[in-house]
Amino acid sequence: MAIKIHNGKNCPCPADCIRHGECKKCIAFHRKRNEQTYCEYLKEKSEKKPVTPDEAIAGGKKLRLLDYGPCAG
């Protein structure tokens, strides 16, 4: 079952293809290729929880700005 996220008049897809703005054709095309439509990608992206600062620390290593003071000139 397809969830209608956008209507054809306001198609958010940046691709310039023959199915642009025609939701049914776009969904059918991407289903055959086992791919997400751009609308589904946007919906999934909007539903993700934001990353907290603690989760954004690469490799779990805490960075202190004072450690980089000499690099700032």
Protein backbone atom coordinates (compact mmCIF):
# COMPACT_ATOMS: atom_id res chain seq x y z
CA MET A 1 0.00 0.00 0.00
CA ALA A 2 1.47 3.33 -1.05
CA ILE A 3 1.36 6.28 1.29
CA LYS A 4 0.67 9.53 -0.52
CA ILE A 5 3.22 12.03 0.72
CA HIS A 6 3.08 14.64 -2.06
CA ASN A 7 0.77 15.32 -4.93
CA GLY A 8 2.01 15.46 -8.49
CA LYS A 9 1.78 19.26 -8.70
CA ASN A 10 4.35 19.72 -5.94
CA CYS A 11 6.75 16.89 -6.76
CA PRO A 12 9.90 17.38 -4.63
CA CYS A 13 12.06 15.01 -6.68
CA PRO A 14 15.12 16.72 -8.18
CA ALA A 15 15.32 14.18 -11.03
CA ASP A 16 14.25 15.33 -14.48
CA CYS A 17 12.50 12.24 -15.80
CA ILE A 18 9.36 11.35 -17.73
CA ARG A 19 7.58 10.27 -14.51
CA HIS A 20 8.18 13.58 -12.69
CA GLY A 21 4.93 14.61 -10.98
CA GLU A 22 3.16 11.35 -11.82
CA CYS A 23 3.14 9.54 -8.48
CA LYS A 24 1.60 6.23 -9.59
CA LYS A 25 4.06 5.80 -12.46
CA CYS A 26 6.99 6.81 -10.25
CA ILE A 27 6.05 4.36 -7.49
CA ALA A 28 5.53 1.53 -9.98
CA PHE A 29 8.91 2.22 -11.63
CA HIS A 30 10.81 2.23 -8.35
CA ARG A 31 8.99 -0.87 -7.01
CA LYS A 32 10.13 -2.83 -10.07
CA ARG A 33 13.72 -1.82 -9.31
CA ASN A 34 13.30 -2.47 -5.55
CA GLU A 35 14.13 1.17 -4.77
CA GLN A 36 12.67 3.93 -2.63
CA THR A 37 10.98 6.87 -4.27
CA TYR A 38 12.33 10.30 -3.40
CA CYS A 39 9.14 10.99 -1.43
CA GLU A 40 9.70 7.88 0.68
CA TYR A 41 13.30 8.94 1.25
CA LEU A 42 12.14 12.37 2.46
CA LYS A 43 9.51 10.83 4.74
CA GLU A 44 12.06 8.43 6.26
CA LYS A 45 14.55 11.26 6.72
CA SER A 46 11.98 13.47 8.47
CA GLU A 47 11.02 10.69 10.89
CA LYS A 48 14.56 10.05 12.13
CA LYS A 49 15.35 11.43 15.55
CA PRO A 50 17.95 14.18 15.62
CA VAL A 51 21.47 13.26 16.64
CA THR A 52 22.41 14.45 20.10
CA PRO A 53 25.84 15.99 20.75
CA ASP A 54 26.86 12.86 22.69
CA GLU A 55 26.09 10.65 19.69
CA ALA A 56 27.94 12.96 17.30
CA ILE A 57 31.31 12.47 18.96
CA ALA A 58 33.41 10.52 16.47
CA GLY A 59 34.82 7.31 17.93
CA GLY A 60 33.58 8.21 21.39
CA LYS A 61 36.54 10.53 21.97
CA LYS A 62 35.62 13.77 23.67
CA LEU A 63 37.06 16.91 22.15
CA ARG A 64 37.95 19.94 24.19
CA LEU A 65 38.30 23.22 22.36
CA LEU A 66 40.99 24.34 24.78
CA ASP A 67 43.20 21.50 23.52
CA TYR A 68 43.18 23.19 20.11
CA GLY A 69 43.97 26.71 21.36
CA PRO A 70 47.54 26.75 20.02
CA CYS A 71 46.28 25.84 16.54
CA ALA A 72 44.03 28.91 16.48
CA GLY A 73 47.01 31.21 16.28
